[in-house]
Amino acid sequence: MDVPELLEAASLLVPEETATANDITVRDIWDYLVDDEWEIALGLLEELGGARPLPLAFWEKLAEAAEQLRLERSATWCHWRCSEIRNGVIRADLTLRPAADARRTKPIPAAGVLRPMWDIGLLSPTGGRAVSVAALWVENTLTLEPGGRATVRLVPLTPSHWTHVQPGRHITMHEDRTVAGTAVVLEVHRPAHALT
């Protein structure tokens, strides 16, 4: 499929009543598609995808369109959303330890490349602390500085480890044995196999 076909197919997966915060709807996006404004249509479809849960096929089509348009960040975001659907997502308020108090002295890249370990209350068979890995996406910024605070999205690599995690729970981030940051869980969305 080429870009217009992918965007048209993705737009057909969005319920008509869905609108962005700026009241943009699928009908508005069709106007951009007709005028070959594919990059704008892609961006607006990404926004519509944030308004409500949409099927895996929607995000797969957007990722392919973004790749064809060579929009790397959009493609990365759409692939990330595919991972959220497959593995679930935990949104949390994360505060990193200051550089003077932690091993991390450089900012965390926002776009889901870091896969830290998380203490989410699991115990090992011997009774010690067990950690679980989750990829991390920092919302609304390109990096998170040491000592900084931001809302993050976590995609568990082993979703079954995270079934007990609920909003309000305090969890800790580790890049080694020391605590790199602390977070409070804001939202939990389980894997959405039914939306595929």
Protein backbone atom coordinates (compact mmCIF):
# COMPACT_ATOMS: atom_id res chain seq x y z
CA MET A 1 0.00 0.00 0.00
CA ASP A 2 1.16 3.54 -0.63
CA VAL A 3 0.85 6.42 1.84
CA PRO A 4 -2.62 7.67 0.82
CA GLU A 5 -4.05 4.14 0.89
CA LEU A 6 -2.53 3.48 4.32
CA LEU A 7 -3.89 6.73 5.74
CA GLU A 8 -7.31 6.15 4.22
CA ALA A 9 -7.40 2.61 5.62
CA ALA A 10 -6.34 3.86 9.06
CA SER A 11 -8.96 6.62 9.02
CA LEU A 12 -11.66 4.05 8.35
CA LEU A 13 -10.77 2.40 11.67
CA VAL A 14 -11.62 5.56 13.63
CA PRO A 15 -15.25 5.93 14.77
CA GLU A 16 -16.81 9.04 13.19
CA GLU A 17 -17.69 10.64 16.52
CA THR A 18 -14.03 10.63 17.66
CA ALA A 19 -12.52 14.12 17.86
CA THR A 20 -9.22 15.62 19.01
CA ALA A 21 -8.99 18.22 21.75
CA ASN A 22 -9.29 20.80 18.94
CA ASP A 23 -12.48 19.15 17.60
CA ILE A 24 -10.76 17.71 14.51
CA THR A 25 -12.66 14.68 13.22
CA VAL A 26 -12.11 12.00 10.58
CA ARG A 27 -14.09 14.11 8.10
CA ASP A 28 -11.57 16.93 8.52
CA ILE A 29 -8.72 14.51 7.90
CA TRP A 30 -10.30 13.37 4.64
CA ASP A 31 -9.99 16.96 3.38
CA TYR A 32 -6.23 16.79 3.95
CA LEU A 33 -6.05 13.41 2.21
CA VAL A 34 -7.89 14.76 -0.84
CA ASP A 35 -5.39 17.65 -0.99
CA ASP A 36 -2.39 15.25 -0.67
CA GLU A 37 -1.46 16.78 2.71
CA TRP A 38 -0.36 13.39 4.01
CA GLU A 39 1.95 14.56 6.76
CA ILE A 40 -0.80 16.72 8.28
CA ALA A 41 -3.31 13.86 7.95
CA LEU A 42 -0.86 11.49 9.66
CA GLY A 43 -0.34 13.89 12.57
CA LEU A 44 -4.07 14.38 13.03
CA LEU A 45 -4.70 10.64 12.91
CA GLU A 46 -2.07 10.21 15.63
CA GLU A 47 -4.00 12.76 17.72
CA LEU A 48 -7.27 10.91 17.12
CA GLY A 49 -5.54 7.74 18.30
CA GLY A 50 -4.91 9.45 21.62
CA ALA A 51 -8.59 10.30 22.04
CA ARG A 52 -9.71 6.68 22.45
CA PRO A 53 -8.31 3.14 22.16
CA LEU A 54 -8.03 2.10 18.53
CA PRO A 55 -7.15 -1.29 17.05
CA LEU A 56 -3.65 -2.52 16.40
CA ALA A 57 -4.24 -2.32 12.63
CA PHE A 58 -4.75 1.47 12.93
CA TRP A 59 -1.31 2.00 14.49
CA GLU A 60 0.36 -0.49 12.13
CA LYS A 61 -0.97 1.41 9.10
CA LEU A 62 0.12 4.75 10.55
CA ALA A 63 3.60 3.34 11.30
CA GLU A 64 3.98 2.11 7.73
CA ALA A 65 2.78 5.45 6.33
CA ALA A 66 5.20 7.36 8.59
CA GLU A 67 8.06 5.11 7.45
CA GLN A 68 7.21 5.75 3.79
CA LEU A 69 7.10 9.49 4.51
CA ARG A 70 10.45 9.15 6.34
CA LEU A 71 8.98 10.63 9.51
CA GLU A 72 11.16 8.76 12.00
CA ARG A 73 9.66 10.12 15.24
CA SER A 74 6.09 9.48 14.05
CA ALA A 75 7.02 5.96 12.95
CA THR A 76 8.68 5.29 16.32
CA TRP A 77 5.60 6.62 18.17
CA CYS A 78 3.21 4.48 16.10
CA HIS A 79 5.32 1.35 16.69
CA TRP A 80 5.38 2.23 20.39
CA ARG A 81 1.57 2.41 20.41
CA CYS A 82 1.50 -1.05 18.79
CA SER A 83 3.62 -2.29 21.71
CA GLU A 84 1.22 -0.70 24.18
CA ILE A 85 -1.68 -2.59 22.62
CA ARG A 86 0.21 -5.90 22.63
CA ASN A 87 1.79 -5.61 26.10
CA GLY A 88 -0.30 -3.04 27.96
CA VAL A 89 0.87 0.33 29.23
CA ILE A 90 1.36 1.90 32.63
CA ARG A 91 1.38 5.71 32.84
CA ALA A 92 3.27 7.04 35.82
CA ASP A 93 4.64 10.25 37.33
CA LEU A 94 8.42 9.64 37.41
CA THR A 95 10.99 11.65 39.34
CA LEU A 96 14.63 10.87 38.59
CA ARG A 97 17.25 11.18 41.30
CA PRO A 98 19.57 14.18 40.90
CA ALA A 99 22.89 13.51 39.13
CA ALA A 100 24.79 14.13 42.40
CA ASP A 101 22.83 11.31 44.10
CA ALA A 102 22.69 8.75 41.29
CA ARG A 103 24.81 7.04 38.66
CA ARG A 104 22.87 8.63 35.80
CA THR A 105 24.42 11.95 34.83
CA LYS A 106 22.94 12.26 31.34
CA PRO A 107 19.33 12.84 30.32
CA ILE A 108 17.06 9.94 29.45
CA PRO A 109 16.00 10.01 25.80
CA ALA A 110 12.23 10.27 25.61
CA ALA A 111 11.45 8.05 22.63
CA GLY A 112 11.28 4.62 24.21
CA VAL A 113 14.90 3.48 23.84
CA LEU A 114 15.57 3.00 27.57
CA ARG A 115 14.47 -0.31 29.11
CA PRO A 116 15.13 0.01 32.82
CA MET A 117 14.30 -2.45 35.56
CA TRP A 118 11.42 -1.70 37.90
CA ASP A 119 10.80 -2.78 41.47
CA ILE A 120 7.04 -3.33 41.39
CA GLY A 121 6.84 -5.39 44.58
CA LEU A 122 7.76 -8.81 43.21
CA LEU A 123 9.87 -11.23 45.22
CA SER A 124 12.36 -13.78 43.93
CA PRO A 125 12.00 -17.47 44.87
CA THR A 126 14.52 -16.85 47.68
CA GLY A 127 12.48 -13.93 49.05
CA GLY A 128 14.72 -11.13 47.76
CA ARG A 129 13.65 -8.25 45.59
CA ALA A 130 12.86 -9.12 41.99
CA VAL A 131 12.67 -6.57 39.22
CA SER A 132 10.80 -6.51 35.94
CA VAL A 133 11.84 -4.72 32.76
CA ALA A 134 9.64 -2.14 31.03
CA ALA A 135 10.47 0.18 28.17
CA LEU A 136 10.06 3.86 29.00
CA TRP A 137 8.63 6.71 26.89
CA VAL A 138 8.71 10.22 28.38
CA GLU A 139 5.63 12.23 27.40
CA ASN A 140 5.77 15.75 25.95
CA THR A 141 9.55 16.21 25.90
CA LEU A 142 12.62 14.96 24.06
CA THR A 143 14.65 14.12 27.19
CA LEU A 144 14.30 13.87 30.96
CA GLU A 145 17.19 15.37 32.91
CA PRO A 146 18.56 13.83 36.12
CA GLY A 147 16.48 15.24 38.98
CA GLY A 148 13.65 15.94 36.53
CA ARG A 149 10.04 14.90 36.73
CA ALA A 150 7.66 13.87 33.94
CA THR A 151 4.76 11.65 33.04
CA VAL A 152 6.06 8.45 31.47
CA ARG A 153 4.57 5.49 29.63
CA LEU A 154 5.90 2.04 30.54
CA VAL A 155 5.49 -0.99 28.30
CA PRO A 156 6.25 -4.18 30.26
CA LEU A 157 8.40 -6.73 28.48
CA THR A 158 6.64 -9.44 30.54
CA PRO A 159 3.07 -8.18 31.03
CA SER A 160 2.17 -11.01 33.43
CA HIS A 161 4.62 -9.57 36.00
CA TRP A 162 2.60 -6.34 36.12
CA THR A 163 -0.95 -7.66 36.66
CA HIS A 164 -0.99 -6.60 40.33
CA VAL A 165 0.09 -3.00 39.61
CA GLN A 166 -2.72 -0.48 40.20
CA PRO A 167 -2.99 3.34 40.11
CA GLY A 168 -1.51 4.92 43.23
CA ARG A 169 1.22 2.30 43.63
CA HIS A 170 4.78 3.55 44.20
CA ILE A 171 7.43 1.82 42.06
CA THR A 172 11.15 2.39 41.70
CA MET A 173 13.31 2.52 38.58
CA HIS A 174 16.72 0.86 38.50
CA GLU A 175 19.49 0.90 35.93
CA ASP A 176 21.75 -1.02 38.32
CA ARG A 177 21.34 -1.99 42.00
CA THR A 178 20.72 1.61 43.03
CA VAL A 179 17.43 3.50 42.71
CA ALA A 180 17.49 5.74 39.64
CA GLY A 181 14.02 7.19 40.17
CA THR A 182 10.67 6.80 41.87
CA ALA A 183 7.25 6.82 40.26
CA VAL A 184 3.59 6.85 41.21
CA VAL A 185 1.33 4.86 38.89
CA LEU A 186 -1.37 7.03 37.32
CA GLU A 187 -3.11 4.63 34.91
CA VAL A 188 -2.93 0.97 33.98
CA HIS A 189 -4.12 -0.40 30.63
CA ARG A 190 -3.85 -4.15 30.18
CA PRO A 191 -2.92 -5.77 26.87
CA ALA A 192 -5.83 -5.31 24.47
CA HIS A 193 -5.82 -8.55 22.50
CA ALA A 194 -9.47 -8.00 21.70
CA LEU A 195 -8.63 -4.78 19.82
CA THR A 196 -6.39 -6.50 17.28
